[in-house]
Amino acid sequence: MNNRDHGQARSAEVSRRTNETDIQLAFAVDGTGKSEIETDVPFLNHMLDLFAKHGQFDLKVDAKGDIEIDDHHTVEDIGICLGQTLLQALGDKKGIKRYASVFVPMDEALAQVVIDLSNRPHFEYRAQYPSQQVGSFSTELVHEFLWKLALEGRMTLHVIVHYGQNTHHMIEAIFKALGRALDEATSIDPRVTGVPSTKGVL
């Protein structure tokens, strides 16, 4: 039994329009790693493409924001939208593995992402970057994106960068590990009946 045998397609779409951003986002859990990313934040485009590729998700993002102020609102709201589509796509979460822990190296950098699709939002983040910027992208926005993803996706998310010397490599390792961990946590385990919780609900 694979994910595509689980019944209906696990996918969702959301639109979010505020005075700061205008976002349309479509996410398919059981995809092929195809992404169409159009935002005003080039570094985030690259990271989302890596996330989709390594998670074997299909992801389409069309986002415009007030980047004349800074990238904060755009990055934050994309995290919100991605979390919302993930939550909708997983539905009752029957049959999923629920947990995952993945290490990904990127040259000298090593990142770890640990996930519990628990329906209890919690975020822990351990990363110290050599630089506060990657090009025009502020590294503090990685925290904002991941925290909003965890909050809206209602997951426990732990992100640890164990070491690294190149800020780009460190963040890239995070997004690759995030894709792979989320792929594992959302995958269907044929041994699981109902939801993977003694409570009977997630």
N, C-alpha and C. Protein backbone atom coordinates (compact mmCIF):
# COMPACT_ATOMS: atom_id res chain seq x y z
N MET A 1 0.85 -1.20 0.00
CA MET A 1 0.00 0.00 0.00
C MET A 1 0.88 1.24 0.00
N ASN A 2 0.75 2.09 -0.96
CA ASN A 2 1.50 3.33 -0.95
C ASN A 2 0.55 4.50 -0.75
N ASN A 3 1.11 5.71 -0.71
CA ASN A 3 0.30 6.88 -0.42
C ASN A 3 -0.82 7.05 -1.43
N ARG A 4 -0.54 6.71 -2.68
CA ARG A 4 -1.55 6.93 -3.72
C ARG A 4 -2.69 5.93 -3.65
N ASP A 5 -2.51 4.86 -2.84
CA ASP A 5 -3.57 3.88 -2.65
C ASP A 5 -4.48 4.24 -1.47
N HIS A 6 -4.18 5.36 -0.82
CA HIS A 6 -4.85 5.68 0.43
C HIS A 6 -6.29 6.16 0.23
N GLY A 7 -6.74 6.29 -0.99
CA GLY A 7 -8.11 6.74 -1.23
C GLY A 7 -8.11 7.97 -2.09
N GLN A 8 -8.31 9.09 -1.47
CA GLN A 8 -8.34 10.33 -2.24
C GLN A 8 -7.01 11.05 -2.19
N ALA A 9 -6.81 11.90 -3.17
CA ALA A 9 -5.56 12.64 -3.23
C ALA A 9 -5.42 13.55 -2.02
N ARG A 10 -4.24 13.56 -1.46
CA ARG A 10 -3.99 14.40 -0.29
C ARG A 10 -3.38 15.71 -0.77
N SER A 11 -4.25 16.66 -1.04
CA SER A 11 -3.81 17.95 -1.56
C SER A 11 -4.78 19.03 -1.11
N ALA A 12 -4.31 20.28 -1.19
CA ALA A 12 -5.15 21.41 -0.79
C ALA A 12 -4.61 22.68 -1.44
N GLU A 13 -5.47 23.68 -1.51
CA GLU A 13 -5.11 24.99 -2.02
C GLU A 13 -5.65 26.05 -1.08
N VAL A 14 -4.89 27.13 -0.93
CA VAL A 14 -5.36 28.26 -0.14
C VAL A 14 -5.00 29.56 -0.85
N SER A 15 -5.79 30.58 -0.57
CA SER A 15 -5.49 31.94 -1.01
C SER A 15 -5.48 32.82 0.22
N ARG A 16 -4.52 33.73 0.27
CA ARG A 16 -4.42 34.66 1.39
C ARG A 16 -4.12 36.05 0.83
N ARG A 17 -5.03 36.96 1.08
CA ARG A 17 -4.83 38.34 0.61
C ARG A 17 -4.98 39.29 1.78
N THR A 18 -3.94 40.06 2.02
CA THR A 18 -3.96 41.07 3.08
C THR A 18 -3.46 42.38 2.48
N ASN A 19 -3.36 43.41 3.31
CA ASN A 19 -2.78 44.67 2.85
C ASN A 19 -1.28 44.55 2.60
N GLU A 20 -0.70 43.41 3.02
CA GLU A 20 0.75 43.23 2.90
C GLU A 20 1.15 42.19 1.85
N THR A 21 0.29 41.18 1.64
CA THR A 21 0.63 40.10 0.71
C THR A 21 -0.59 39.63 -0.07
N ASP A 22 -0.32 38.98 -1.18
CA ASP A 22 -1.34 38.32 -2.00
C ASP A 22 -0.75 36.98 -2.44
N ILE A 23 -1.27 35.88 -1.87
CA ILE A 23 -0.65 34.57 -2.05
C ILE A 23 -1.68 33.54 -2.49
N GLN A 24 -1.32 32.75 -3.49
CA GLN A 24 -2.05 31.54 -3.85
C GLN A 24 -1.06 30.39 -3.75
N LEU A 25 -1.46 29.35 -3.02
CA LEU A 25 -0.54 28.24 -2.79
C LEU A 25 -1.30 26.92 -2.89
N ALA A 26 -0.74 25.99 -3.66
CA ALA A 26 -1.30 24.64 -3.81
C ALA A 26 -0.23 23.63 -3.41
N PHE A 27 -0.64 22.64 -2.62
CA PHE A 27 0.31 21.67 -2.07
C PHE A 27 -0.28 20.27 -2.18
N ALA A 28 0.49 19.34 -2.73
CA ALA A 28 0.10 17.93 -2.81
C ALA A 28 1.12 17.08 -2.07
N VAL A 29 0.66 16.36 -1.06
CA VAL A 29 1.55 15.50 -0.28
C VAL A 29 2.14 14.40 -1.15
N ASP A 30 1.30 13.78 -1.96
CA ASP A 30 1.72 12.62 -2.76
C ASP A 30 2.06 13.07 -4.18
N GLY A 31 3.15 13.80 -4.28
CA GLY A 31 3.54 14.36 -5.56
C GLY A 31 4.75 13.69 -6.16
N THR A 32 5.44 14.44 -7.00
CA THR A 32 6.61 13.92 -7.70
C THR A 32 7.81 14.87 -7.59
N GLY A 33 7.69 15.84 -6.70
CA GLY A 33 8.78 16.80 -6.53
C GLY A 33 8.72 17.97 -7.49
N LYS A 34 7.56 18.18 -8.09
CA LYS A 34 7.40 19.27 -9.05
C LYS A 34 7.05 20.56 -8.32
N SER A 35 7.73 21.64 -8.68
CA SER A 35 7.43 22.93 -8.04
C SER A 35 7.36 24.04 -9.07
N GLU A 36 6.46 24.97 -8.81
CA GLU A 36 6.35 26.20 -9.58
C GLU A 36 6.29 27.33 -8.56
N ILE A 37 7.42 27.96 -8.34
CA ILE A 37 7.54 28.95 -7.27
C ILE A 37 7.77 30.32 -7.86
N GLU A 38 6.85 31.24 -7.58
CA GLU A 38 7.00 32.62 -8.04
C GLU A 38 6.74 33.54 -6.85
N THR A 39 7.82 34.02 -6.25
CA THR A 39 7.68 35.01 -5.18
C THR A 39 8.67 36.14 -5.45
N ASP A 40 8.57 37.18 -4.65
CA ASP A 40 9.49 38.31 -4.77
C ASP A 40 10.76 38.12 -3.94
N VAL A 41 10.94 36.91 -3.39
CA VAL A 41 12.08 36.61 -2.52
C VAL A 41 12.89 35.47 -3.15
N PRO A 42 13.88 35.78 -3.95
CA PRO A 42 14.60 34.74 -4.71
C PRO A 42 15.19 33.62 -3.86
N PHE A 43 15.76 33.94 -2.72
CA PHE A 43 16.35 32.89 -1.88
C PHE A 43 15.28 31.93 -1.38
N LEU A 44 14.11 32.46 -1.02
CA LEU A 44 13.02 31.59 -0.57
C LEU A 44 12.54 30.71 -1.72
N ASN A 45 12.50 31.24 -2.93
CA ASN A 45 12.13 30.42 -4.09
C ASN A 45 13.03 29.19 -4.16
N HIS A 46 14.32 29.42 -4.01
CA HIS A 46 15.30 28.33 -4.08
C HIS A 46 15.06 27.32 -2.96
N MET A 47 14.81 27.79 -1.74
CA MET A 47 14.60 26.88 -0.61
C MET A 47 13.31 26.08 -0.77
N LEU A 48 12.25 26.70 -1.25
CA LEU A 48 10.98 25.99 -1.45
C LEU A 48 11.09 24.95 -2.55
N ASP A 49 11.88 25.25 -3.57
CA ASP A 49 12.12 24.28 -4.64
C ASP A 49 12.84 23.06 -4.08
N LEU A 50 13.84 23.28 -3.23
CA LEU A 50 14.55 22.18 -2.58
C LEU A 50 13.63 21.37 -1.69
N PHE A 51 12.81 22.05 -0.91
CA PHE A 51 11.85 21.40 -0.02
C PHE A 51 10.92 20.47 -0.80
N ALA A 52 10.36 20.95 -1.89
CA ALA A 52 9.44 20.14 -2.71
C ALA A 52 10.16 18.96 -3.34
N LYS A 53 11.35 19.21 -3.88
CA LYS A 53 12.10 18.15 -4.55
C LYS A 53 12.46 17.03 -3.61
N HIS A 54 12.97 17.38 -2.44
CA HIS A 54 13.42 16.35 -1.51
C HIS A 54 12.28 15.70 -0.74
N GLY A 55 11.13 16.35 -0.68
CA GLY A 55 9.96 15.75 -0.04
C GLY A 55 9.06 15.02 -1.01
N GLN A 56 9.37 15.12 -2.31
CA GLN A 56 8.51 14.54 -3.35
C GLN A 56 7.09 15.10 -3.25
N PHE A 57 7.01 16.39 -2.96
CA PHE A 57 5.74 17.10 -2.93
C PHE A 57 5.56 17.87 -4.23
N ASP A 58 4.32 18.13 -4.59
CA ASP A 58 4.03 19.08 -5.65
C ASP A 58 3.63 20.39 -4.98
N LEU A 59 4.30 21.47 -5.35
CA LEU A 59 4.09 22.74 -4.69
C LEU A 59 4.03 23.86 -5.72
N LYS A 60 2.97 24.63 -5.64
CA LYS A 60 2.83 25.79 -6.51
C LYS A 60 2.58 27.01 -5.64
N VAL A 61 3.41 28.02 -5.81
CA VAL A 61 3.29 29.25 -5.01
C VAL A 61 3.35 30.45 -5.95
N ASP A 62 2.35 31.31 -5.83
CA ASP A 62 2.34 32.60 -6.52
C ASP A 62 2.14 33.65 -5.45
N ALA A 63 3.19 34.39 -5.13
CA ALA A 63 3.12 35.32 -4.00
C ALA A 63 3.72 36.67 -4.35
N LYS A 64 2.99 37.69 -3.96
CA LYS A 64 3.48 39.07 -4.08
C LYS A 64 3.32 39.73 -2.73
N GLY A 65 4.32 40.52 -2.36
CA GLY A 65 4.27 41.17 -1.06
C GLY A 65 4.95 42.51 -1.05
N ASP A 66 4.91 43.15 0.10
CA ASP A 66 5.46 44.50 0.26
C ASP A 66 6.96 44.45 0.51
N ILE A 67 7.69 43.90 -0.45
CA ILE A 67 9.14 43.76 -0.27
C ILE A 67 9.86 45.10 -0.29
N GLU A 68 9.14 46.18 -0.69
CA GLU A 68 9.78 47.50 -0.59
C GLU A 68 10.01 47.86 0.88
N ILE A 69 9.27 47.23 1.78
CA ILE A 69 9.52 47.39 3.22
C ILE A 69 10.60 46.40 3.63
N ASP A 70 10.29 45.12 3.53
CA ASP A 70 11.28 44.03 3.64
C ASP A 70 10.58 42.73 3.26
N ASP A 71 11.29 41.61 3.40
CA ASP A 71 10.74 40.31 2.98
C ASP A 71 9.88 39.64 4.05
N HIS A 72 9.80 40.24 5.22
CA HIS A 72 9.21 39.56 6.37
C HIS A 72 7.78 39.08 6.11
N HIS A 73 6.91 39.97 5.68
CA HIS A 73 5.50 39.59 5.52
C HIS A 73 5.31 38.50 4.49
N THR A 74 6.06 38.56 3.40
CA THR A 74 5.93 37.56 2.35
C THR A 74 6.37 36.19 2.85
N VAL A 75 7.52 36.12 3.49
CA VAL A 75 8.04 34.85 3.99
C VAL A 75 7.11 34.27 5.06
N GLU A 76 6.69 35.11 5.98
CA GLU A 76 5.82 34.66 7.06
C GLU A 76 4.49 34.13 6.51
N ASP A 77 3.89 34.83 5.58
CA ASP A 77 2.57 34.44 5.08
C ASP A 77 2.64 33.20 4.20
N ILE A 78 3.76 32.98 3.52
CA ILE A 78 3.92 31.73 2.77
C ILE A 78 4.01 30.56 3.75
N GLY A 79 4.71 30.75 4.86
CA GLY A 79 4.74 29.72 5.90
C GLY A 79 3.36 29.41 6.43
N ILE A 80 2.56 30.44 6.64
CA ILE A 80 1.18 30.25 7.09
C ILE A 80 0.39 29.44 6.08
N CYS A 81 0.47 29.81 4.82
CA CYS A 81 -0.30 29.13 3.77
C CYS A 81 0.14 27.69 3.59
N LEU A 82 1.45 27.44 3.64
CA LEU A 82 1.93 26.07 3.50
C LEU A 82 1.44 25.20 4.65
N GLY A 83 1.48 25.73 5.87
CA GLY A 83 0.99 24.98 7.01
C GLY A 83 -0.50 24.67 6.89
N GLN A 84 -1.27 25.63 6.43
CA GLN A 84 -2.71 25.42 6.28
C GLN A 84 -3.03 24.35 5.24
N THR A 85 -2.30 24.37 4.12
CA THR A 85 -2.56 23.36 3.09
C THR A 85 -2.14 21.97 3.56
N LEU A 86 -1.03 21.90 4.30
CA LEU A 86 -0.60 20.61 4.84
C LEU A 86 -1.67 20.03 5.76
N LEU A 87 -2.18 20.85 6.66
CA LEU A 87 -3.19 20.39 7.61
C LEU A 87 -4.44 19.91 6.88
N GLN A 88 -4.89 20.67 5.89
CA GLN A 88 -6.07 20.28 5.12
C GLN A 88 -5.82 19.01 4.33
N ALA A 89 -4.65 18.91 3.72
CA ALA A 89 -4.35 17.75 2.87
C ALA A 89 -4.30 16.45 3.66
N LEU A 90 -3.85 16.50 4.90
CA LEU A 90 -3.71 15.28 5.70
C LEU A 90 -5.03 14.81 6.29
N GLY A 91 -6.01 15.68 6.35
CA GLY A 91 -7.33 15.27 6.84
C GLY A 91 -7.27 14.68 8.23
N ASP A 92 -7.84 13.48 8.41
CA ASP A 92 -7.88 12.86 9.74
C ASP A 92 -6.57 12.17 10.11
N LYS A 93 -5.62 12.12 9.20
CA LYS A 93 -4.27 11.58 9.43
C LYS A 93 -4.27 10.06 9.67
N LYS A 94 -5.30 9.39 9.26
CA LYS A 94 -5.33 7.93 9.43
C LYS A 94 -4.23 7.27 8.60
N GLY A 95 -3.52 6.36 9.25
CA GLY A 95 -2.53 5.56 8.57
C GLY A 95 -1.15 6.17 8.43
N ILE A 96 -0.97 7.43 8.84
CA ILE A 96 0.34 8.07 8.64
C ILE A 96 1.35 7.57 9.67
N LYS A 97 2.62 7.72 9.34
CA LYS A 97 3.68 7.35 10.28
C LYS A 97 3.77 8.33 11.45
N ARG A 98 3.44 9.57 11.20
CA ARG A 98 3.35 10.64 12.21
C ARG A 98 4.69 11.23 12.60
N TYR A 99 5.67 10.41 12.91
CA TYR A 99 6.98 10.89 13.38
C TYR A 99 8.04 10.76 12.29
N ALA A 100 9.06 11.61 12.38
CA ALA A 100 10.24 11.48 11.52
C ALA A 100 11.39 12.25 12.11
N SER A 101 12.59 11.75 11.87
CA SER A 101 13.82 12.45 12.24
C SER A 101 14.81 12.24 11.12
N VAL A 102 15.28 13.34 10.53
CA VAL A 102 16.16 13.26 9.36
C VAL A 102 17.35 14.18 9.54
N PHE A 103 18.54 13.65 9.26
CA PHE A 103 19.76 14.43 9.18
C PHE A 103 20.09 14.64 7.70
N VAL A 104 20.49 15.84 7.35
CA VAL A 104 20.95 16.11 5.99
C VAL A 104 22.24 16.93 6.05
N PRO A 105 23.30 16.44 5.40
CA PRO A 105 24.52 17.24 5.29
C PRO A 105 24.48 18.09 4.03
N MET A 106 25.07 19.24 4.08
CA MET A 106 25.31 20.06 2.90
C MET A 106 26.75 20.52 3.00
N ASP A 107 27.63 19.78 2.35
CA ASP A 107 29.06 20.01 2.48
C ASP A 107 29.46 20.02 3.95
N GLU A 108 29.93 21.14 4.48
CA GLU A 108 30.42 21.18 5.86
C GLU A 108 29.31 21.33 6.90
N ALA A 109 28.09 21.58 6.46
CA ALA A 109 26.97 21.84 7.37
C ALA A 109 26.15 20.57 7.59
N LEU A 110 25.58 20.46 8.80
CA LEU A 110 24.72 19.32 9.12
C LEU A 110 23.47 19.82 9.84
N ALA A 111 22.31 19.53 9.27
CA ALA A 111 21.03 19.94 9.87
C ALA A 111 20.20 18.72 10.20
N GLN A 112 19.40 18.84 11.24
CA GLN A 112 18.48 17.78 11.67
C GLN A 112 17.09 18.37 11.82
N VAL A 113 16.10 17.69 11.29
CA VAL A 113 14.70 18.09 11.45
C VAL A 113 13.93 16.92 12.03
N VAL A 114 13.23 17.17 13.13
CA VAL A 114 12.43 16.16 13.82
C VAL A 114 10.98 16.63 13.85
N ILE A 115 10.08 15.77 13.43
CA ILE A 115 8.67 16.15 13.28
C ILE A 115 7.76 15.17 14.01
N ASP A 116 6.73 15.71 14.63
CA ASP A 116 5.60 14.94 15.14
C ASP A 116 4.34 15.64 14.65
N LEU A 117 3.57 14.97 13.81
CA LEU A 117 2.32 15.55 13.31
C LEU A 117 1.22 15.32 14.35
N SER A 118 1.39 16.00 15.46
CA SER A 118 0.68 15.71 16.71
C SER A 118 -0.62 16.48 16.88
N ASN A 119 -0.84 17.49 16.06
CA ASN A 119 -1.94 18.45 16.24
C ASN A 119 -1.69 19.36 17.45
N ARG A 120 -0.45 19.37 17.93
CA ARG A 120 -0.05 20.26 19.02
C ARG A 120 1.10 21.11 18.52
N PRO A 121 0.85 22.35 18.13
CA PRO A 121 1.92 23.18 17.57
C PRO A 121 3.00 23.50 18.60
N HIS A 122 4.24 23.19 18.23
CA HIS A 122 5.38 23.55 19.07
C HIS A 122 6.59 23.65 18.16
N PHE A 123 7.47 24.61 18.44
CA PHE A 123 8.64 24.82 17.60
C PHE A 123 9.87 25.05 18.45
N GLU A 124 10.92 24.28 18.18
CA GLU A 124 12.23 24.47 18.80
C GLU A 124 13.24 24.67 17.69
N TYR A 125 14.12 25.63 17.87
CA TYR A 125 15.03 26.05 16.80
C TYR A 125 16.40 26.31 17.38
N ARG A 126 17.38 25.57 16.90
CA ARG A 126 18.76 25.74 17.35
C ARG A 126 19.65 25.94 16.13
N ALA A 127 19.99 27.19 15.85
CA ALA A 127 20.84 27.51 14.70
C ALA A 127 21.58 28.80 14.96
N GLN A 128 22.87 28.77 14.76
CA GLN A 128 23.71 29.95 14.87
C GLN A 128 24.44 30.13 13.54
N TYR A 129 24.12 31.21 12.83
CA TYR A 129 24.68 31.41 11.50
C TYR A 129 25.88 32.35 11.54
N PRO A 130 26.89 32.09 10.71
CA PRO A 130 28.05 32.99 10.63
C PRO A 130 27.67 34.37 10.10
N SER A 131 26.65 34.42 9.24
CA SER A 131 26.22 35.68 8.63
C SER A 131 24.74 35.91 8.88
N GLN A 132 24.34 37.16 9.02
CA GLN A 132 22.93 37.49 9.22
C GLN A 132 22.19 37.68 7.90
N GLN A 133 22.90 37.59 6.79
CA GLN A 133 22.29 37.77 5.48
C GLN A 133 22.83 36.71 4.52
N VAL A 134 21.95 36.25 3.62
CA VAL A 134 22.37 35.48 2.45
C VAL A 134 21.89 36.29 1.26
N GLY A 135 22.80 36.98 0.61
CA GLY A 135 22.39 37.97 -0.38
C GLY A 135 21.58 39.04 0.32
N SER A 136 20.35 39.26 -0.14
CA SER A 136 19.46 40.24 0.50
C SER A 136 18.52 39.60 1.51
N PHE A 137 18.64 38.29 1.71
CA PHE A 137 17.73 37.55 2.59
C PHE A 137 18.25 37.54 4.01
N SER A 138 17.39 37.93 4.96
CA SER A 138 17.75 37.95 6.37
C SER A 138 17.56 36.56 6.98
N THR A 139 18.58 36.04 7.65
CA THR A 139 18.49 34.69 8.20
C THR A 139 17.43 34.56 9.29
N GLU A 140 17.06 35.65 9.95
CA GLU A 140 16.03 35.56 10.98
C GLU A 140 14.68 35.14 10.40
N LEU A 141 14.51 35.30 9.08
CA LEU A 141 13.25 34.92 8.45
C LEU A 141 13.08 33.41 8.33
N VAL A 142 14.17 32.66 8.46
CA VAL A 142 14.06 31.20 8.48
C VAL A 142 13.21 30.78 9.69
N HIS A 143 13.51 31.41 10.83
CA HIS A 143 12.72 31.14 12.04
C HIS A 143 11.26 31.49 11.82
N GLU A 144 10.98 32.64 11.24
CA GLU A 144 9.60 33.06 11.04
C GLU A 144 8.84 32.08 10.15
N PHE A 145 9.47 31.66 9.07
CA PHE A 145 8.83 30.71 8.16
C PHE A 145 8.52 29.38 8.85
N LEU A 146 9.51 28.83 9.53
CA LEU A 146 9.35 27.52 10.15
C LEU A 146 8.35 27.55 11.30
N TRP A 147 8.36 28.63 12.08
CA TRP A 147 7.44 28.73 13.20
C TRP A 147 6.00 28.82 12.70
N LYS A 148 5.75 29.59 11.65
CA LYS A 148 4.39 29.70 11.13
C LYS A 148 3.96 28.41 10.46
N LEU A 149 4.88 27.70 9.82
CA LEU A 149 4.56 26.39 9.26
C LEU A 149 4.14 25.42 10.36
N ALA A 150 4.89 25.38 11.45
CA ALA A 150 4.56 24.49 12.57
C ALA A 150 3.24 24.86 13.21
N LEU A 151 3.02 26.16 13.36
CA LEU A 151 1.79 26.64 14.00
C LEU A 151 0.56 26.29 13.18
N GLU A 152 0.58 26.65 11.91
CA GLU A 152 -0.59 26.43 11.07
C GLU A 152 -0.74 24.97 10.65
N GLY A 153 0.38 24.25 10.55
CA GLY A 153 0.30 22.82 10.25
C GLY A 153 0.04 21.98 11.48
N ARG A 154 0.01 22.62 12.64
CA ARG A 154 -0.29 21.98 13.92
C ARG A 154 0.62 20.77 14.15
N MET A 155 1.92 21.05 14.06
CA MET A 155 2.92 20.00 14.27
C MET A 155 3.93 20.43 15.33
N THR A 156 4.56 19.45 15.93
CA THR A 156 5.75 19.70 16.73
C THR A 156 6.94 19.61 15.79
N LEU A 157 7.73 20.67 15.76
CA LEU A 157 8.85 20.76 14.82
C LEU A 157 10.11 21.20 15.57
N HIS A 158 11.13 20.35 15.50
CA HIS A 158 12.43 20.69 16.07
C HIS A 158 13.44 20.78 14.94
N VAL A 159 14.16 21.89 14.88
CA VAL A 159 15.16 22.12 13.84
C VAL A 159 16.48 22.44 14.51
N ILE A 160 17.50 21.66 14.18
CA ILE A 160 18.81 21.82 14.80
C ILE A 160 19.87 21.84 13.71
N VAL A 161 20.65 22.91 13.68
CA VAL A 161 21.84 22.92 12.83
C VAL A 161 23.02 22.61 13.74
N HIS A 162 23.57 21.42 13.57
CA HIS A 162 24.62 20.96 14.48
C HIS A 162 25.92 21.72 14.29
N TYR A 163 26.23 22.03 13.04
CA TYR A 163 27.43 22.83 12.76
C TYR A 163 27.41 23.24 11.30
N GLY A 164 28.31 24.15 10.96
CA GLY A 164 28.43 24.63 9.60
C GLY A 164 29.24 25.92 9.58
N GLN A 165 29.78 26.24 8.42
CA GLN A 165 30.55 27.46 8.27
C GLN A 165 29.97 28.41 7.24
N ASN A 166 29.15 27.87 6.35
CA ASN A 166 28.56 28.66 5.27
C ASN A 166 27.05 28.79 5.53
N THR A 167 26.59 30.01 5.67
CA THR A 167 25.19 30.23 6.04
C THR A 167 24.22 29.67 5.00
N HIS A 168 24.53 29.86 3.74
CA HIS A 168 23.69 29.30 2.67
C HIS A 168 23.58 27.79 2.82
N HIS A 169 24.70 27.11 3.02
CA HIS A 169 24.70 25.67 3.16
C HIS A 169 23.86 25.22 4.37
N MET A 170 23.96 25.94 5.45
CA MET A 170 23.24 25.58 6.68
C MET A 170 21.73 25.66 6.47
N ILE A 171 21.28 26.74 5.84
CA ILE A 171 19.84 26.91 5.60
C ILE A 171 19.36 25.91 4.55
N GLU A 172 20.17 25.67 3.53
CA GLU A 172 19.80 24.69 2.51
C GLU A 172 19.64 23.31 3.13
N ALA A 173 20.52 22.94 4.04
CA ALA A 173 20.40 21.64 4.71
C ALA A 173 19.11 21.55 5.50
N ILE A 174 18.68 22.65 6.12
CA ILE A 174 17.42 22.67 6.85
C ILE A 174 16.25 22.35 5.93
N PHE A 175 16.17 23.04 4.81
CA PHE A 175 15.02 22.86 3.93
C PHE A 175 15.00 21.49 3.26
N LYS A 176 16.16 20.94 2.95
CA LYS A 176 16.20 19.58 2.43
C LYS A 176 15.75 18.58 3.49
N ALA A 177 16.24 18.76 4.71
CA ALA A 177 15.85 17.87 5.80
C ALA A 177 14.36 18.01 6.12
N LEU A 178 13.85 19.23 6.04
CA LEU A 178 12.42 19.45 6.29
C LEU A 178 11.58 18.68 5.28
N GLY A 179 11.94 18.76 3.99
CA GLY A 179 11.20 18.03 2.98
C GLY A 179 11.23 16.54 3.23
N ARG A 180 12.40 16.01 3.50
CA ARG A 180 12.53 14.57 3.69
C ARG A 180 11.84 14.09 4.97
N ALA A 181 11.92 14.87 6.03
CA ALA A 181 11.25 14.49 7.27
C ALA A 181 9.74 14.54 7.13
N LEU A 182 9.24 15.57 6.47
CA LEU A 182 7.80 15.67 6.29
C LEU A 182 7.29 14.57 5.37
N ASP A 183 8.08 14.21 4.38
CA ASP A 183 7.70 13.10 3.51
C ASP A 183 7.55 11.82 4.31
N GLU A 184 8.51 11.57 5.19
CA GLU A 184 8.45 10.35 6.00
C GLU A 184 7.28 10.38 6.98
N ALA A 185 7.09 11.50 7.66
CA ALA A 185 6.03 11.60 8.66
C ALA A 185 4.64 11.48 8.06
N THR A 186 4.47 11.95 6.83
CA THR A 186 3.15 11.91 6.18
C THR A 186 2.91 10.62 5.42
N SER A 187 3.93 9.80 5.27
CA SER A 187 3.78 8.58 4.48
C SER A 187 2.85 7.60 5.19
N ILE A 188 2.21 6.76 4.39
CA ILE A 188 1.25 5.80 4.91
C ILE A 188 1.98 4.52 5.30
N ASP A 189 1.71 4.06 6.53
CA ASP A 189 2.24 2.79 7.02
C ASP A 189 1.10 1.78 7.00
N PRO A 190 1.17 0.74 6.17
CA PRO A 190 0.05 -0.20 6.06
C PRO A 190 -0.24 -0.96 7.35
N ARG A 191 0.69 -0.92 8.30
CA ARG A 191 0.46 -1.60 9.58
C ARG A 191 -0.41 -0.78 10.52
N VAL A 192 -0.54 0.51 10.23
CA VAL A 192 -1.29 1.40 11.12
C VAL A 192 -2.77 1.36 10.77
N THR A 193 -3.59 1.06 11.76
CA THR A 193 -5.04 1.13 11.59
C THR A 193 -5.54 2.35 12.35
N GLY A 194 -6.31 3.17 11.69
CA GLY A 194 -6.76 4.42 12.30
C GLY A 194 -5.61 5.40 12.40
N VAL A 195 -5.62 6.21 13.44
CA VAL A 195 -4.56 7.20 13.63
C VAL A 195 -3.51 6.65 14.59
N PRO A 196 -2.24 7.03 14.42
CA PRO A 196 -1.18 6.52 15.26
C PRO A 196 -1.11 7.22 16.62
N SER A 197 -2.13 7.00 17.43
CA SER A 197 -2.20 7.59 18.77
C SER A 197 -3.11 6.75 19.65
N THR A 198 -2.69 6.54 20.90
CA THR A 198 -3.53 5.80 21.83
C THR A 198 -4.79 6.57 22.19
N LYS A 199 -4.80 7.87 21.88
CA LYS A 199 -5.98 8.68 22.16
C LYS A 199 -7.09 8.42 21.14
N GLY A 200 -6.71 7.87 19.98
CA GLY A 200 -7.69 7.59 18.95
C GLY A 200 -7.95 8.77 18.03
N VAL A 201 -7.25 9.87 18.26
CA VAL A 201 -7.43 11.04 17.42
C VAL A 201 -6.16 11.87 17.47
N LEU A 202 -5.86 12.55 16.36
CA LEU A 202 -4.74 13.49 16.32
C LEU A 202 -5.29 14.87 16.01
